[in-house]
Amino acid sequence: MVEPIGTRPRDRIAGVSRVATPAAAASVTKQPQAAPTPTVAAQLSASAPVDVERVAKIKEAIAKGTFPLSPSTIADALIAARYEWMSNDKA
């Protein structure tokens, strides 16, 4: 038969005693880390990807006055850049 709840004497829980606080941890000394090996991204970002010969040719053409500047081409590129920028905006 099943005994009803409350008729058995309950097991007593032992009293709680305080434990001393733990001693402070010994100071940790850091070991020197090895120099990190450069990743491909770090190597590529170290210098800008510039075509030095092309830049020299453009500078020379500007100095001579023979570099073709087209205001409509510049305006088209600026407008296209603005539309691309607007498409990435969060509304």
N, C-alpha and C. Protein backbone atom coordinates (compact mmCIF):
# COMPACT_ATOMS: atom_id res chain seq x y z
N MET A 1 0.82 -1.18 0.00
CA MET A 1 0.00 0.00 0.00
C MET A 1 0.87 1.25 0.00
N VAL A 2 0.36 2.34 -0.50
CA VAL A 2 1.10 3.58 -0.58
C VAL A 2 0.80 4.40 0.67
N GLU A 3 1.86 4.89 1.29
CA GLU A 3 1.66 5.71 2.48
C GLU A 3 1.27 7.12 2.07
N PRO A 4 0.35 7.73 2.78
CA PRO A 4 0.00 9.11 2.47
C PRO A 4 1.14 10.05 2.82
N ILE A 5 1.12 11.22 2.20
CA ILE A 5 2.17 12.22 2.42
C ILE A 5 2.06 12.76 3.83
N GLY A 6 3.18 12.91 4.47
CA GLY A 6 3.22 13.56 5.76
C GLY A 6 3.22 12.61 6.95
N THR A 7 3.10 11.32 6.72
CA THR A 7 3.09 10.42 7.87
C THR A 7 4.48 9.94 8.23
N ARG A 8 5.42 9.96 7.25
CA ARG A 8 6.78 9.54 7.55
C ARG A 8 7.56 10.70 8.13
N PRO A 9 8.44 10.46 9.07
CA PRO A 9 9.29 11.55 9.54
C PRO A 9 10.26 11.95 8.43
N ARG A 10 10.40 13.21 8.23
CA ARG A 10 11.28 13.71 7.17
C ARG A 10 12.74 13.57 7.57
N ASP A 11 13.55 13.31 6.53
CA ASP A 11 14.99 13.26 6.80
C ASP A 11 15.45 14.67 7.10
N ARG A 12 16.29 14.78 8.07
CA ARG A 12 16.78 16.11 8.46
C ARG A 12 18.02 16.46 7.66
N ILE A 13 18.12 17.69 7.28
CA ILE A 13 19.30 18.18 6.55
C ILE A 13 20.27 18.71 7.57
N ALA A 14 21.53 18.34 7.40
CA ALA A 14 22.55 18.80 8.33
C ALA A 14 22.67 20.31 8.24
N GLY A 15 23.09 20.93 9.30
CA GLY A 15 23.26 22.38 9.33
C GLY A 15 24.34 22.84 8.37
N VAL A 16 24.21 24.07 7.91
CA VAL A 16 25.16 24.63 6.97
C VAL A 16 26.26 25.32 7.74
N SER A 17 27.49 25.02 7.40
CA SER A 17 28.61 25.69 8.05
C SER A 17 29.34 26.54 7.02
N ARG A 18 29.87 27.65 7.45
CA ARG A 18 30.57 28.56 6.55
C ARG A 18 31.96 28.02 6.26
N VAL A 19 32.37 28.22 5.03
CA VAL A 19 33.69 27.81 4.59
C VAL A 19 34.53 29.07 4.48
N ALA A 20 35.77 28.97 4.82
CA ALA A 20 36.66 30.13 4.73
C ALA A 20 36.77 30.57 3.27
N THR A 21 36.91 31.87 3.05
CA THR A 21 37.05 32.37 1.68
C THR A 21 38.36 31.86 1.10
N PRO A 22 38.36 31.54 -0.19
CA PRO A 22 39.58 31.01 -0.79
C PRO A 22 40.67 32.08 -0.83
N ALA A 23 41.88 31.63 -0.73
CA ALA A 23 43.01 32.55 -0.78
C ALA A 23 43.10 33.16 -2.18
N ALA A 24 43.63 34.36 -2.26
CA ALA A 24 43.78 35.03 -3.55
C ALA A 24 44.69 34.21 -4.45
N ALA A 25 44.33 34.16 -5.70
CA ALA A 25 45.11 33.38 -6.66
C ALA A 25 46.49 34.01 -6.82
N ALA A 26 47.46 33.17 -7.04
CA ALA A 26 48.81 33.67 -7.27
C ALA A 26 48.81 34.50 -8.55
N SER A 27 49.64 35.51 -8.60
CA SER A 27 49.67 36.36 -9.78
C SER A 27 50.10 35.55 -11.00
N VAL A 28 49.46 35.83 -12.09
CA VAL A 28 49.73 35.11 -13.33
C VAL A 28 50.72 35.93 -14.15
N THR A 29 51.76 35.27 -14.59
CA THR A 29 52.72 35.96 -15.44
C THR A 29 52.47 35.54 -16.87
N LYS A 30 52.42 36.52 -17.75
CA LYS A 30 52.18 36.24 -19.16
C LYS A 30 53.49 35.92 -19.85
N GLN A 31 53.42 34.91 -20.68
CA GLN A 31 54.59 34.57 -21.46
C GLN A 31 54.58 35.39 -22.74
N PRO A 32 55.72 35.81 -23.20
CA PRO A 32 55.74 36.58 -24.45
C PRO A 32 55.20 35.73 -25.59
N GLN A 33 54.35 36.34 -26.40
CA GLN A 33 53.77 35.63 -27.53
C GLN A 33 54.69 35.74 -28.74
N ALA A 34 54.64 34.72 -29.53
CA ALA A 34 55.42 34.73 -30.77
C ALA A 34 54.81 35.76 -31.71
N ALA A 35 55.63 36.34 -32.53
CA ALA A 35 55.14 37.32 -33.49
C ALA A 35 54.18 36.62 -34.45
N PRO A 36 52.99 37.21 -34.67
CA PRO A 36 52.03 36.54 -35.56
C PRO A 36 52.53 36.54 -37.00
N THR A 37 52.25 35.45 -37.67
CA THR A 37 52.65 35.37 -39.07
C THR A 37 51.69 36.20 -39.90
N PRO A 38 52.19 36.97 -40.83
CA PRO A 38 51.30 37.83 -41.62
C PRO A 38 50.40 37.00 -42.53
N THR A 39 49.13 37.35 -42.54
CA THR A 39 48.19 36.67 -43.42
C THR A 39 48.23 37.32 -44.80
N VAL A 40 47.57 36.70 -45.74
CA VAL A 40 47.52 37.24 -47.09
C VAL A 40 46.86 38.62 -47.07
N ALA A 41 45.77 38.75 -46.30
CA ALA A 41 45.08 40.03 -46.22
C ALA A 41 45.99 41.11 -45.64
N ALA A 42 46.76 40.75 -44.62
CA ALA A 42 47.67 41.73 -44.02
C ALA A 42 48.76 42.13 -45.00
N GLN A 43 49.25 41.18 -45.77
CA GLN A 43 50.28 41.49 -46.75
C GLN A 43 49.74 42.40 -47.85
N LEU A 44 48.50 42.11 -48.29
CA LEU A 44 47.91 42.93 -49.36
C LEU A 44 47.54 44.33 -48.87
N SER A 45 47.15 44.43 -47.60
CA SER A 45 46.75 45.74 -47.10
C SER A 45 47.95 46.59 -46.68
N ALA A 46 49.13 46.01 -46.67
CA ALA A 46 50.33 46.76 -46.29
C ALA A 46 50.64 47.86 -47.30
N SER A 47 50.32 47.62 -48.56
CA SER A 47 50.55 48.64 -49.57
C SER A 47 49.36 48.67 -50.52
N ALA A 48 49.07 49.83 -51.03
CA ALA A 48 47.94 49.99 -51.93
C ALA A 48 48.26 49.36 -53.29
N PRO A 49 47.26 48.77 -53.93
CA PRO A 49 47.50 48.18 -55.25
C PRO A 49 47.52 49.26 -56.32
N VAL A 50 48.67 49.83 -56.56
CA VAL A 50 48.81 50.96 -57.48
C VAL A 50 49.69 50.54 -58.65
N ASP A 51 49.20 50.84 -59.84
CA ASP A 51 50.00 50.61 -61.04
C ASP A 51 50.84 51.87 -61.25
N VAL A 52 52.08 51.82 -60.81
CA VAL A 52 52.95 52.99 -60.82
C VAL A 52 53.18 53.51 -62.23
N GLU A 53 53.33 52.63 -63.20
CA GLU A 53 53.56 53.07 -64.58
C GLU A 53 52.36 53.83 -65.12
N ARG A 54 51.15 53.34 -64.84
CA ARG A 54 49.95 54.02 -65.34
C ARG A 54 49.79 55.40 -64.69
N VAL A 55 50.08 55.47 -63.39
CA VAL A 55 50.00 56.75 -62.70
C VAL A 55 50.99 57.74 -63.31
N ALA A 56 52.18 57.28 -63.63
CA ALA A 56 53.19 58.16 -64.24
C ALA A 56 52.73 58.65 -65.61
N LYS A 57 52.09 57.77 -66.39
CA LYS A 57 51.59 58.18 -67.71
C LYS A 57 50.46 59.21 -67.57
N ILE A 58 49.59 59.02 -66.61
CA ILE A 58 48.49 59.97 -66.40
C ILE A 58 49.04 61.32 -65.96
N LYS A 59 50.01 61.31 -65.03
CA LYS A 59 50.61 62.57 -64.58
C LYS A 59 51.27 63.30 -65.75
N GLU A 60 51.95 62.56 -66.59
CA GLU A 60 52.62 63.16 -67.74
C GLU A 60 51.59 63.76 -68.70
N ALA A 61 50.49 63.03 -68.97
CA ALA A 61 49.45 63.53 -69.87
C ALA A 61 48.77 64.78 -69.30
N ILE A 62 48.56 64.82 -67.99
CA ILE A 62 47.95 66.02 -67.38
C ILE A 62 48.91 67.20 -67.49
N ALA A 63 50.20 66.95 -67.25
CA ALA A 63 51.19 68.02 -67.34
C ALA A 63 51.28 68.58 -68.76
N LYS A 64 51.15 67.71 -69.77
CA LYS A 64 51.20 68.15 -71.16
C LYS A 64 49.88 68.74 -71.63
N GLY A 65 48.82 68.46 -70.89
CA GLY A 65 47.49 68.94 -71.30
C GLY A 65 46.82 68.03 -72.31
N THR A 66 47.28 66.81 -72.42
CA THR A 66 46.70 65.88 -73.40
C THR A 66 45.79 64.82 -72.77
N PHE A 67 45.59 64.89 -71.47
CA PHE A 67 44.74 63.90 -70.80
C PHE A 67 43.28 64.24 -71.10
N PRO A 68 42.53 63.28 -71.67
CA PRO A 68 41.15 63.59 -72.07
C PRO A 68 40.20 63.60 -70.86
N LEU A 69 39.72 64.78 -70.54
CA LEU A 69 38.72 64.91 -69.48
C LEU A 69 37.36 65.13 -70.12
N SER A 70 36.42 64.29 -69.80
CA SER A 70 35.08 64.42 -70.34
C SER A 70 34.12 64.67 -69.17
N PRO A 71 33.58 65.88 -69.07
CA PRO A 71 32.67 66.19 -67.96
C PRO A 71 31.47 65.24 -67.91
N SER A 72 30.96 64.82 -69.06
CA SER A 72 29.80 63.92 -69.04
C SER A 72 30.18 62.54 -68.51
N THR A 73 31.36 62.06 -68.81
CA THR A 73 31.82 60.77 -68.30
C THR A 73 32.00 60.83 -66.79
N ILE A 74 32.58 61.93 -66.32
CA ILE A 74 32.77 62.11 -64.88
C ILE A 74 31.42 62.19 -64.18
N ALA A 75 30.48 62.94 -64.75
CA ALA A 75 29.14 63.07 -64.15
C ALA A 75 28.43 61.73 -64.13
N ASP A 76 28.52 60.97 -65.21
CA ASP A 76 27.89 59.65 -65.25
C ASP A 76 28.45 58.73 -64.16
N ALA A 77 29.75 58.75 -63.98
CA ALA A 77 30.38 57.91 -62.96
C ALA A 77 29.95 58.32 -61.56
N LEU A 78 29.85 59.64 -61.32
CA LEU A 78 29.41 60.13 -60.00
C LEU A 78 27.95 59.74 -59.73
N ILE A 79 27.10 59.87 -60.74
CA ILE A 79 25.69 59.51 -60.57
C ILE A 79 25.55 58.01 -60.33
N ALA A 80 26.29 57.21 -61.07
CA ALA A 80 26.24 55.76 -60.89
C ALA A 80 26.71 55.37 -59.49
N ALA A 81 27.76 56.03 -59.01
CA ALA A 81 28.26 55.74 -57.66
C ALA A 81 27.22 56.11 -56.61
N ARG A 82 26.54 57.22 -56.82
CA ARG A 82 25.49 57.65 -55.88
C ARG A 82 24.34 56.65 -55.85
N TYR A 83 23.89 56.17 -57.01
CA TYR A 83 22.80 55.18 -57.05
C TYR A 83 23.23 53.87 -56.39
N GLU A 84 24.46 53.47 -56.61
CA GLU A 84 24.95 52.25 -55.97
C GLU A 84 24.99 52.42 -54.46
N TRP A 85 25.41 53.59 -54.01
CA TRP A 85 25.48 53.88 -52.58
C TRP A 85 24.08 53.88 -51.98
N MET A 86 23.10 54.49 -52.70
CA MET A 86 21.73 54.56 -52.20
C MET A 86 21.10 53.16 -52.11
N SER A 87 21.47 52.25 -53.00
CA SER A 87 20.89 50.91 -52.99
C SER A 87 21.35 50.11 -51.77
N ASN A 88 22.47 50.51 -51.17
CA ASN A 88 22.97 49.82 -49.97
C ASN A 88 22.49 50.46 -48.69
N ASP A 89 21.82 51.62 -48.78
CA ASP A 89 21.31 52.30 -47.59
C ASP A 89 20.16 51.52 -46.98
N LYS A 90 20.11 51.48 -45.67
CA LYS A 90 18.98 50.90 -44.96
C LYS A 90 17.96 52.03 -44.75
N ALA A 91 16.79 51.86 -45.29
CA ALA A 91 15.78 52.91 -45.20
C ALA A 91 15.14 52.97 -43.84
